[in-house]
Amino acid sequence: MDRLFKIVADEGIDLEYADLSGAPRKLLGVYYPRPPLIVLDRSVERNVPLHRSVLAEELGHHFTVPRADVASAYTSYSAQVELSRDERRALRWACDMLLPVMEFADAAATLEADMPLGAVVEQLAEMFVVTPWLVWRRIHFLREDMRAKGLRVKPRDVFAPLLVAARWGAAAITATAGVVSMWSNLGGAA
């Protein structure tokens, strides 16, 4: 939590807690860009994994610059689409912040290979002190990234030892650059 609170302070974002139970849909947090303000439901304070997950997602809105106006989100289809894109960008930011791919792979590699997917998700959520829902979102983004590289993977196969060991291909560019650099330093042609 300290790292998230430091980001809030460094960015000059006001953080408030309020009862959001009267909102039209179940809201646990909301971000207002001007002036930067995050309002979290009071209920999240009692649940550290939920608090971290919701605060990181709201910070994601700050860093990914929302395009939809939360006050007019349901006035048109295009506004709903834009809100959905904003949510996706903010969630990806939260996953990158709280569940970095390399650390996520290292943690996944410590789990039993034949563990049911639901149990893997629960274990990873506990290890990273986030909600299982955020772990599911990380899995979704990993699958999306692999699909963009031409690899279709079922959710249950995301934690196959070979994919985990390869960091789901996320480190491919860095690894290739490192190998080329190392090869050049050894006198090879780059």
Protein backbone atom coordinates (compact mmCIF):
# COMPACT_ATOMS: atom_id res chain seq x y z
CA MET A 1 0.00 0.00 0.00
CA ASP A 2 2.87 2.35 0.78
CA ARG A 3 4.02 2.37 -2.86
CA LEU A 4 0.49 3.18 -4.05
CA PHE A 5 0.05 5.92 -1.44
CA LYS A 6 3.43 7.37 -2.48
CA ILE A 7 2.29 7.52 -6.10
CA VAL A 8 -0.91 9.27 -5.01
CA ALA A 9 1.12 11.84 -3.06
CA ASP A 10 3.79 12.30 -5.76
CA GLU A 11 1.13 12.87 -8.42
CA GLY A 12 -0.77 15.37 -6.28
CA ILE A 13 -3.93 13.28 -6.33
CA ASP A 14 -6.46 13.81 -3.56
CA LEU A 15 -7.62 10.51 -2.07
CA GLU A 16 -10.93 10.35 -0.25
CA TYR A 17 -13.15 7.63 1.15
CA ALA A 18 -16.93 7.85 0.95
CA ASP A 19 -20.01 5.67 0.98
CA LEU A 20 -20.53 4.80 -2.68
CA SER A 21 -23.28 2.26 -2.02
CA GLY A 22 -25.90 4.64 -3.44
CA ALA A 23 -24.26 4.67 -6.89
CA PRO A 24 -26.30 3.27 -9.82
CA ARG A 25 -23.97 0.28 -10.13
CA LYS A 26 -21.68 -1.20 -7.54
CA LEU A 27 -18.80 1.27 -7.52
CA LEU A 28 -15.78 0.71 -5.35
CA GLY A 29 -13.83 3.64 -6.71
CA VAL A 30 -13.98 6.52 -9.11
CA TYR A 31 -11.37 8.82 -10.63
CA TYR A 32 -11.96 12.48 -11.47
CA PRO A 33 -9.21 14.02 -13.63
CA ARG A 34 -9.62 17.72 -12.77
CA PRO A 35 -8.43 18.30 -10.16
CA PRO A 36 -7.08 14.77 -9.78
CA LEU A 37 -9.23 13.00 -7.21
CA ILE A 38 -9.76 9.34 -6.37
CA VAL A 39 -12.76 8.44 -4.26
CA LEU A 40 -12.83 4.92 -2.84
CA ASP A 41 -15.73 3.24 -1.11
CA ARG A 42 -15.18 3.02 2.64
CA SER A 43 -15.63 -0.75 2.53
CA VAL A 44 -12.29 -1.25 0.74
CA GLU A 45 -10.31 0.03 3.73
CA ARG A 46 -11.06 -3.17 5.66
CA ASN A 47 -9.84 -5.49 2.89
CA VAL A 48 -6.18 -4.97 1.93
CA PRO A 49 -6.22 -7.01 -1.33
CA LEU A 50 -9.37 -5.19 -2.47
CA HIS A 51 -7.97 -1.82 -1.36
CA ARG A 52 -4.75 -2.37 -3.34
CA SER A 53 -6.58 -3.64 -6.42
CA VAL A 54 -9.15 -0.84 -6.56
CA LEU A 55 -6.65 1.93 -5.79
CA ALA A 56 -4.26 0.65 -8.48
CA GLU A 57 -7.08 0.52 -11.02
CA GLU A 58 -8.12 4.10 -10.20
CA LEU A 59 -4.48 5.20 -10.46
CA GLY A 60 -4.50 3.49 -13.84
CA HIS A 61 -7.13 5.98 -14.95
CA HIS A 62 -4.82 8.81 -13.92
CA PHE A 63 -1.89 7.45 -15.92
CA THR A 64 -3.81 6.26 -18.98
CA VAL A 65 -5.77 9.51 -19.41
CA PRO A 66 -9.46 8.63 -19.53
CA ARG A 67 -11.30 9.73 -22.65
CA ALA A 68 -14.87 9.09 -21.50
CA ASP A 69 -16.70 11.39 -19.15
CA VAL A 70 -17.87 9.27 -16.23
CA ALA A 71 -20.91 11.53 -15.80
CA SER A 72 -22.16 10.86 -19.34
CA ALA A 73 -21.08 7.25 -19.71
CA TYR A 74 -24.53 5.88 -20.43
CA THR A 75 -25.84 8.57 -22.79
CA SER A 76 -24.65 6.92 -26.00
CA TYR A 77 -23.18 3.73 -27.33
CA SER A 78 -19.94 5.45 -28.34
CA ALA A 79 -19.58 6.85 -24.81
CA GLN A 80 -20.06 3.34 -23.40
CA VAL A 81 -17.41 1.96 -25.78
CA GLU A 82 -14.97 4.70 -24.77
CA LEU A 83 -15.66 4.02 -21.07
CA SER A 84 -14.97 0.33 -21.66
CA ARG A 85 -11.65 1.17 -23.33
CA ASP A 86 -10.74 3.45 -20.43
CA GLU A 87 -11.49 0.66 -17.95
CA ARG A 88 -9.38 -1.81 -19.93
CA ARG A 89 -6.40 0.55 -20.08
CA ALA A 90 -6.67 1.30 -16.35
CA LEU A 91 -6.91 -2.41 -15.50
CA ARG A 92 -3.87 -3.23 -17.60
CA TRP A 93 -1.96 -0.48 -15.78
CA ALA A 94 -3.07 -1.94 -12.43
CA CYS A 95 -1.95 -5.42 -13.50
CA ASP A 96 1.40 -4.10 -14.68
CA MET A 97 1.84 -2.26 -11.38
CA LEU A 98 0.74 -4.99 -8.95
CA LEU A 99 1.40 -8.14 -11.01
CA PRO A 100 4.49 -7.40 -13.15
CA VAL A 101 4.96 -10.16 -15.73
CA MET A 102 8.44 -11.24 -14.60
CA GLU A 103 7.50 -11.42 -10.91
CA PHE A 104 4.19 -13.07 -11.83
CA ALA A 105 6.08 -15.74 -13.81
CA ASP A 106 8.55 -16.31 -10.97
CA ALA A 107 5.67 -16.75 -8.50
CA ALA A 108 3.75 -19.03 -10.88
CA ALA A 109 6.85 -21.19 -11.33
CA THR A 110 6.88 -21.96 -7.59
CA LEU A 111 3.39 -23.50 -7.70
CA GLU A 112 2.61 -27.15 -8.35
CA ALA A 113 2.20 -27.79 -12.09
CA ASP A 114 -0.94 -29.93 -11.70
CA MET A 115 -2.76 -27.48 -9.44
CA PRO A 116 -6.30 -26.58 -10.65
CA LEU A 117 -6.49 -23.15 -12.28
CA GLY A 118 -8.81 -21.75 -9.60
CA ALA A 119 -6.35 -22.77 -6.89
CA VAL A 120 -3.46 -21.20 -8.85
CA VAL A 121 -5.40 -17.94 -9.08
CA GLU A 122 -6.15 -17.98 -5.34
CA GLN A 123 -2.50 -18.69 -4.48
CA LEU A 124 -1.20 -15.92 -6.73
CA ALA A 125 -3.76 -13.47 -5.36
CA GLU A 126 -2.58 -14.30 -1.85
CA MET A 127 1.09 -14.00 -2.81
CA PHE A 128 0.63 -10.57 -4.43
CA VAL A 129 -2.01 -9.35 -1.94
CA VAL A 130 -4.56 -8.58 -4.64
CA THR A 131 -8.03 -9.85 -5.48
CA PRO A 132 -8.42 -13.07 -7.46
CA TRP A 133 -10.35 -10.99 -9.99
CA LEU A 134 -7.22 -8.93 -10.72
CA VAL A 135 -5.22 -12.15 -11.22
CA TRP A 136 -7.89 -13.29 -13.72
CA ARG A 137 -7.45 -9.97 -15.52
CA ARG A 138 -3.66 -10.55 -15.69
CA ILE A 139 -4.36 -13.97 -17.21
CA HIS A 140 -6.69 -12.33 -19.73
CA PHE A 141 -4.03 -9.77 -20.70
CA LEU A 142 -1.36 -12.49 -20.98
CA ARG A 143 -3.62 -14.46 -23.33
CA GLU A 144 -4.30 -11.29 -25.34
CA ASP A 145 -0.58 -10.60 -25.66
CA MET A 146 0.13 -14.18 -26.74
CA ARG A 147 -2.75 -14.05 -29.25
CA ALA A 148 -1.21 -10.89 -30.73
CA LYS A 149 1.95 -12.96 -31.32
CA GLY A 150 -0.06 -15.71 -33.03
CA LEU A 151 -0.31 -18.09 -30.08
CA ARG A 152 -3.79 -19.13 -28.95
CA VAL A 153 -3.80 -20.41 -25.37
CA LYS A 154 -6.69 -21.61 -23.24
CA PRO A 155 -6.94 -20.13 -19.73
CA ARG A 156 -6.02 -23.45 -18.09
CA ASP A 157 -2.86 -23.67 -20.24
CA VAL A 158 -1.52 -20.22 -19.34
CA PHE A 159 0.41 -21.77 -16.46
CA ALA A 160 1.98 -24.57 -18.51
CA PRO A 161 5.61 -24.82 -17.32
CA LEU A 162 7.03 -23.99 -20.78
CA LEU A 163 4.96 -20.80 -21.12
CA VAL A 164 5.78 -19.70 -17.58
CA ALA A 165 9.48 -20.38 -18.10
CA ALA A 166 9.35 -18.30 -21.29
CA ARG A 167 7.60 -15.52 -19.35
CA TRP A 168 4.76 -15.82 -21.88
CA GLY A 169 7.04 -14.28 -24.49
CA ALA A 170 7.03 -10.93 -22.69
CA ALA A 171 10.79 -10.93 -22.30
CA ALA A 172 11.51 -11.95 -25.91
CA ILE A 173 12.55 -8.49 -27.12
CA THR A 174 14.67 -7.78 -24.05
CA ALA A 175 16.27 -11.23 -24.20
CA THR A 176 17.01 -10.88 -27.92
CA ALA A 177 18.57 -7.44 -27.41
CA GLY A 178 20.65 -8.84 -24.55
CA VAL A 179 21.87 -11.78 -26.64
CA VAL A 180 22.78 -9.50 -29.57
CA SER A 181 24.62 -7.16 -27.19
CA MET A 182 26.43 -10.05 -25.51
CA TRP A 183 27.33 -11.54 -28.91
CA SER A 184 28.72 -8.16 -30.05
CA ASN A 185 30.80 -7.88 -26.86
CA LEU A 186 32.27 -11.31 -27.58
CA GLY A 187 33.35 -10.22 -31.06
CA GLY A 188 30.40 -11.67 -32.99
CA ALA A 189 28.69 -9.82 -35.82
CA ALA A 190 25.50 -8.22 -34.64
